[in-house]
């Protein structure tokens, strides 16, 4: 809704593949790394965030 911030929601999800999105990922309650670049993957694993791949290889 317009005018709300992330803190107005009890649960929030963010899916990303890029370390450039880390500032936003740190704000949500459920960050998920998807086919992440090496920097994001390392950070996500260090912080025990879910890491998924959609690649078949």
PDB file of N, CA and C in Angstrom:
ATOM      1  N   UNK A   1       0.835  -1.175   0.000  1.00  0.00           N
ATOM      2  CA  UNK A   1       0.000   0.000   0.000  1.00  0.00           C
ATOM      3  C   UNK A   1       0.878   1.236   0.000  1.00  0.00           C
ATOM      4  N   UNK A   2       0.370   2.248  -0.598  1.00  0.00           N
ATOM      5  CA  UNK A   2       1.114   3.495  -0.718  1.00  0.00           C
ATOM      6  C   UNK A   2       1.346   4.123   0.659  1.00  0.00           C
ATOM      7  N   UNK A   3       2.555   4.570   0.887  1.00  0.00           N
ATOM      8  CA  UNK A   3       2.880   5.234   2.138  1.00  0.00           C
ATOM      9  C   UNK A   3       3.378   4.304   3.231  1.00  0.00           C
ATOM     10  N   UNK A   4       3.329   3.000   3.001  1.00  0.00           N
ATOM     11  CA  UNK A   4       3.804   2.049   3.999  1.00  0.00           C
ATOM     12  C   UNK A   4       5.303   1.809   3.822  1.00  0.00           C
ATOM     13  N   UNK A   5       5.946   1.390   4.896  1.00  0.00           N
ATOM     14  CA  UNK A   5       7.346   0.994   4.820  1.00  0.00           C
ATOM     15  C   UNK A   5       7.433  -0.496   5.123  1.00  0.00           C
ATOM     16  N   UNK A   6       8.600  -1.082   4.918  1.00  0.00           N
ATOM     17  CA  UNK A   6       8.755  -2.510   5.188  1.00  0.00           C
ATOM     18  C   UNK A   6       8.451  -2.845   6.644  1.00  0.00           C
ATOM     19  N   UNK A   7       8.714  -1.923   7.534  1.00  0.00           N
ATOM     20  CA  UNK A   7       8.472  -2.164   8.953  1.00  0.00           C
ATOM     21  C   UNK A   7       6.978  -2.257   9.274  1.00  0.00           C
ATOM     22  N   UNK A   8       6.131  -1.830   8.355  1.00  0.00           N
ATOM     23  CA  UNK A   8       4.686  -1.923   8.560  1.00  0.00           C
ATOM     24  C   UNK A   8       4.165  -3.341   8.338  1.00  0.00           C
ATOM     25  N   UNK A   9       5.003  -4.220   7.836  1.00  0.00           N
ATOM     26  CA  UNK A   9       4.597  -5.588   7.527  1.00  0.00           C
ATOM     27  C   UNK A   9       5.328  -6.567   8.437  1.00  0.00           C
ATOM     28  N   UNK A  10       4.603  -7.566   8.937  1.00  0.00           N
ATOM     29  CA  UNK A  10       5.225  -8.569   9.797  1.00  0.00           C
ATOM     30  C   UNK A  10       6.144  -9.489   9.005  1.00  0.00           C
ATOM     31  N   UNK A  11       5.764  -9.772   7.772  1.00  0.00           N
ATOM     32  CA  UNK A  11       6.513 -10.700   6.935  1.00  0.00           C
ATOM     33  C   UNK A  11       6.776 -10.068   5.579  1.00  0.00           C
ATOM     34  N   UNK A  12       8.018 -10.156   5.138  1.00  0.00           N
ATOM     35  CA  UNK A  12       8.364  -9.642   3.812  1.00  0.00           C
ATOM     36  C   UNK A  12       9.404 -10.567   3.185  1.00  0.00           C
ATOM     37  N   UNK A  13       9.294 -10.749   1.875  1.00  0.00           N
ATOM     38  CA  UNK A  13      10.187 -11.616   1.118  1.00  0.00           C
ATOM     39  C   UNK A  13      10.890 -10.799   0.050  1.00  0.00           C
ATOM     40  N   UNK A  14      12.131 -11.192  -0.250  1.00  0.00           N
ATOM     41  CA  UNK A  14      12.851 -10.569  -1.359  1.00  0.00           C
ATOM     42  C   UNK A  14      13.744 -11.627  -1.977  1.00  0.00           C
ATOM     43  N   UNK A  15      13.637 -11.788  -3.274  1.00  0.00           N
ATOM     44  CA  UNK A  15      14.427 -12.752  -4.027  1.00  0.00           C
ATOM     45  C   UNK A  15      15.385 -11.983  -4.920  1.00  0.00           C
ATOM     46  N   UNK A  16      16.648 -12.389  -4.926  1.00  0.00           N
ATOM     47  CA  UNK A  16      17.617 -11.674  -5.753  1.00  0.00           C
ATOM     48  C   UNK A  16      18.753 -12.590  -6.170  1.00  0.00           C
ATOM     49  N   UNK A  17      19.412 -12.183  -7.257  1.00  0.00           N
ATOM     50  CA  UNK A  17      20.594 -12.901  -7.724  1.00  0.00           C
ATOM     51  C   UNK A  17      21.857 -12.042  -7.641  1.00  0.00           C
ATOM     52  N   UNK A  18      21.725 -10.816  -7.148  1.00  0.00           N
ATOM     53  CA  UNK A  18      22.845  -9.875  -7.199  1.00  0.00           C
ATOM     54  C   UNK A  18      23.188  -9.277  -5.835  1.00  0.00           C
ATOM     55  N   UNK A  19      24.480  -9.163  -5.573  1.00  0.00           N
ATOM     56  CA  UNK A  19      24.932  -8.523  -4.336  1.00  0.00           C
ATOM     57  C   UNK A  19      24.516  -7.055  -4.283  1.00  0.00           C
ATOM     58  N   UNK A  20      24.182  -6.480  -5.426  1.00  0.00           N
ATOM     59  CA  UNK A  20      23.726  -5.081  -5.440  1.00  0.00           C
ATOM     60  C   UNK A  20      22.434  -4.893  -4.654  1.00  0.00           C
ATOM     61  N   UNK A  21      21.702  -5.971  -4.441  1.00  0.00           N
ATOM     62  CA  UNK A  21      20.439  -5.909  -3.706  1.00  0.00           C
ATOM     63  C   UNK A  21      20.593  -6.181  -2.208  1.00  0.00           C
ATOM     64  N   UNK A  22      21.809  -6.382  -1.743  1.00  0.00           N
ATOM     65  CA  UNK A  22      22.020  -6.681  -0.321  1.00  0.00           C
ATOM     66  C   UNK A  22      21.404  -5.650   0.630  1.00  0.00           C
ATOM     67  N   UNK A  23      21.494  -4.358   0.356  1.00  0.00           N
ATOM     68  CA  UNK A  23      20.880  -3.403   1.291  1.00  0.00           C
ATOM     69  C   UNK A  23      19.388  -3.661   1.516  1.00  0.00           C
ATOM     70  N   UNK A  24      18.661  -3.990   0.460  1.00  0.00           N
ATOM     71  CA  UNK A  24      17.239  -4.287   0.612  1.00  0.00           C
ATOM     72  C   UNK A  24      17.026  -5.664   1.230  1.00  0.00           C
ATOM     73  N   UNK A  25      17.832  -6.622   0.847  1.00  0.00           N
ATOM     74  CA  UNK A  25      17.684  -7.971   1.395  1.00  0.00           C
ATOM     75  C   UNK A  25      17.872  -7.984   2.910  1.00  0.00           C
ATOM     76  N   UNK A  26      18.710  -7.102   3.409  1.00  0.00           N
ATOM     77  CA  UNK A  26      18.945  -7.030   4.851  1.00  0.00           C
ATOM     78  C   UNK A  26      17.747  -6.467   5.607  1.00  0.00           C
ATOM     79  N   UNK A  27      16.813  -5.846   4.908  1.00  0.00           N
ATOM     80  CA  UNK A  27      15.652  -5.227   5.554  1.00  0.00           C
ATOM     81  C   UNK A  27      14.443  -6.147   5.667  1.00  0.00           C
ATOM     82  N   UNK A  28      14.374  -7.176   4.837  1.00  0.00           N
ATOM     83  CA  UNK A  28      13.187  -8.032   4.826  1.00  0.00           C
ATOM     84  C   UNK A  28      13.331  -9.167   5.832  1.00  0.00           C
ATOM     85  N   UNK A  29      12.209  -9.805   6.146  1.00  0.00           N
ATOM     86  CA  UNK A  29      12.251 -10.907   7.110  1.00  0.00           C
ATOM     87  C   UNK A  29      12.665 -12.231   6.471  1.00  0.00           C
ATOM     88  N   UNK A  30      12.495 -12.357   5.156  1.00  0.00           N
ATOM     89  CA  UNK A  30      12.821 -13.605   4.460  1.00  0.00           C
ATOM     90  C   UNK A  30      13.572 -13.330   3.155  1.00  0.00           C
ATOM     91  N   UNK A  31      14.877 -13.066   3.228  1.00  0.00           N
ATOM     92  CA  UNK A  31      15.654 -12.901   2.002  1.00  0.00           C
ATOM     93  C   UNK A  31      15.992 -14.267   1.405  1.00  0.00           C
ATOM     94  N   UNK A  32      15.986 -14.352   0.083  1.00  0.00           N
ATOM     95  CA  UNK A  32      16.309 -15.603  -0.603  1.00  0.00           C
ATOM     96  C   UNK A  32      17.249 -15.296  -1.763  1.00  0.00           C
ATOM     97  N   UNK A  33      18.377 -15.972  -1.794  1.00  0.00           N
ATOM     98  CA  UNK A  33      19.326 -15.821  -2.894  1.00  0.00           C
ATOM     99  C   UNK A  33      18.974 -16.836  -3.980  1.00  0.00           C
ATOM    100  N   UNK A  34      18.788 -16.350  -5.203  1.00  0.00           N
ATOM    101  CA  UNK A  34      18.397 -17.209  -6.322  1.00  0.00           C
ATOM    102  C   UNK A  34      19.459 -17.119  -7.415  1.00  0.00           C
ATOM    103  N   UNK A  35      20.098 -18.245  -7.705  1.00  0.00           N
ATOM    104  CA  UNK A  35      21.178 -18.244  -8.696  1.00  0.00           C
ATOM    105  C   UNK A  35      22.101 -17.049  -8.454  1.00  0.00           C
ATOM    106  N   UNK A  36      22.524 -16.924  -7.230  1.00  0.00           N
ATOM    107  CA  UNK A  36      23.245 -15.735  -6.757  1.00  0.00           C
ATOM    108  C   UNK A  36      24.651 -15.619  -7.331  1.00  0.00           C
ATOM    109  N   UNK A  37      25.085 -14.367  -7.478  1.00  0.00           N
ATOM    110  CA  UNK A  37      26.480 -14.124  -7.852  1.00  0.00           C
ATOM    111  C   UNK A  37      27.355 -14.529  -6.658  1.00  0.00           C
ATOM    112  N   UNK A  38      28.656 -14.715  -6.866  1.00  0.00           N
ATOM    113  CA  UNK A  38      29.521 -15.225  -5.794  1.00  0.00           C
ATOM    114  C   UNK A  38      29.477 -14.407  -4.499  1.00  0.00           C
ATOM    115  N   UNK A  39      29.411 -13.101  -4.599  1.00  0.00           N
ATOM    116  CA  UNK A  39      29.395 -12.252  -3.404  1.00  0.00           C
ATOM    117  C   UNK A  39      28.110 -12.450  -2.609  1.00  0.00           C
ATOM    118  N   UNK A  40      26.987 -12.444  -3.291  1.00  0.00           N
ATOM    119  CA  UNK A  40      25.707 -12.654  -2.610  1.00  0.00           C
ATOM    120  C   UNK A  40      25.631 -14.061  -2.045  1.00  0.00           C
ATOM    121  N   UNK A  41      26.069 -15.048  -2.797  1.00  0.00           N
ATOM    122  CA  UNK A  41      26.022 -16.426  -2.319  1.00  0.00           C
ATOM    123  C   UNK A  41      26.820 -16.586  -1.029  1.00  0.00           C
ATOM    124  N   UNK A  42      28.012 -16.027  -0.980  1.00  0.00           N
ATOM    125  CA  UNK A  42      28.840 -16.120   0.225  1.00  0.00           C
ATOM    126  C   UNK A  42      28.155 -15.448   1.411  1.00  0.00           C
ATOM    127  N   UNK A  43      27.588 -14.271   1.189  1.00  0.00           N
ATOM    128  CA  UNK A  43      26.907 -13.550   2.269  1.00  0.00           C
ATOM    129  C   UNK A  43      25.683 -14.326   2.740  1.00  0.00           C
ATOM    130  N   UNK A  44      24.910 -14.836   1.798  1.00  0.00           N
ATOM    131  CA  UNK A  44      23.699 -15.581   2.143  1.00  0.00           C
ATOM    132  C   UNK A  44      24.039 -16.839   2.943  1.00  0.00           C
ATOM    133  N   UNK A  45      25.048 -17.558   2.522  1.00  0.00           N
ATOM    134  CA  UNK A  45      25.445 -18.763   3.247  1.00  0.00           C
ATOM    135  C   UNK A  45      25.956 -18.421   4.642  1.00  0.00           C
ATOM    136  N   UNK A  46      26.705 -17.354   4.751  1.00  0.00           N
ATOM    137  CA  UNK A  46      27.230 -16.926   6.048  1.00  0.00           C
ATOM    138  C   UNK A  46      26.095 -16.575   7.009  1.00  0.00           C
ATOM    139  N   UNK A  47      25.006 -16.027   6.481  1.00  0.00           N
ATOM    140  CA  UNK A  47      23.873 -15.609   7.309  1.00  0.00           C
ATOM    141  C   UNK A  47      22.721 -16.617   7.305  1.00  0.00           C
ATOM    142  N   UNK A  48      22.999 -17.797   6.753  1.00  0.00           N
ATOM    143  CA  UNK A  48      22.042 -18.907   6.730  1.00  0.00           C
ATOM    144  C   UNK A  48      20.718 -18.535   6.059  1.00  0.00           C
ATOM    145  N   UNK A  49      20.816 -17.758   4.995  1.00  0.00           N
ATOM    146  CA  UNK A  49      19.649 -17.450   4.179  1.00  0.00           C
ATOM    147  C   UNK A  49      19.435 -18.599   3.201  1.00  0.00           C
ATOM    148  N   UNK A  50      18.207 -18.849   2.807  1.00  0.00           N
ATOM    149  CA  UNK A  50      17.971 -19.867   1.780  1.00  0.00           C
ATOM    150  C   UNK A  50      18.654 -19.471   0.470  1.00  0.00           C
ATOM    151  N   UNK A  51      19.249 -20.461  -0.180  1.00  0.00           N
ATOM    152  CA  UNK A  51      19.888 -20.263  -1.481  1.00  0.00           C
ATOM    153  C   UNK A  51      19.311 -21.311  -2.421  1.00  0.00           C
ATOM    154  N   UNK A  52      18.731 -20.862  -3.513  1.00  0.00           N
ATOM    155  CA  UNK A  52      18.132 -21.802  -4.455  1.00  0.00           C
ATOM    156  C   UNK A  52      18.681 -21.551  -5.852  1.00  0.00           C
ATOM    157  N   UNK A  53      18.580 -22.583  -6.674  1.00  0.00           N
ATOM    158  CA  UNK A  53      18.963 -22.447  -8.070  1.00  0.00           C
ATOM    159  C   UNK A  53      17.798 -22.883  -8.941  1.00  0.00           C
ATOM    160  N   UNK A  54      17.637 -22.198 -10.031  1.00  0.00           N
ATOM    161  CA  UNK A  54      16.615 -22.539 -11.010  1.00  0.00           C
ATOM    162  C   UNK A  54      17.262 -23.058 -12.287  1.00  0.00           C
ATOM    163  N   UNK A  55      18.569 -23.193 -12.242  1.00  0.00           N
ATOM    164  CA  UNK A  55      19.325 -23.681 -13.399  1.00  0.00           C
ATOM    165  C   UNK A  55      19.315 -25.197 -13.411  1.00  0.00           C
ATOM    166  N   UNK A  56      19.307 -25.744 -14.585  1.00  0.00           N
ATOM    167  CA  UNK A  56      19.284 -27.192 -14.711  1.00  0.00           C
ATOM    168  C   UNK A  56      20.654 -27.833 -14.756  1.00  0.00           C
ATOM    169  N   UNK A  57      21.713 -27.022 -14.731  1.00  0.00           N
ATOM    170  CA  UNK A  57      23.056 -27.597 -14.858  1.00  0.00           C
ATOM    171  C   UNK A  57      23.708 -27.892 -13.567  1.00  0.00           C
TER     172      UNK A  57
END
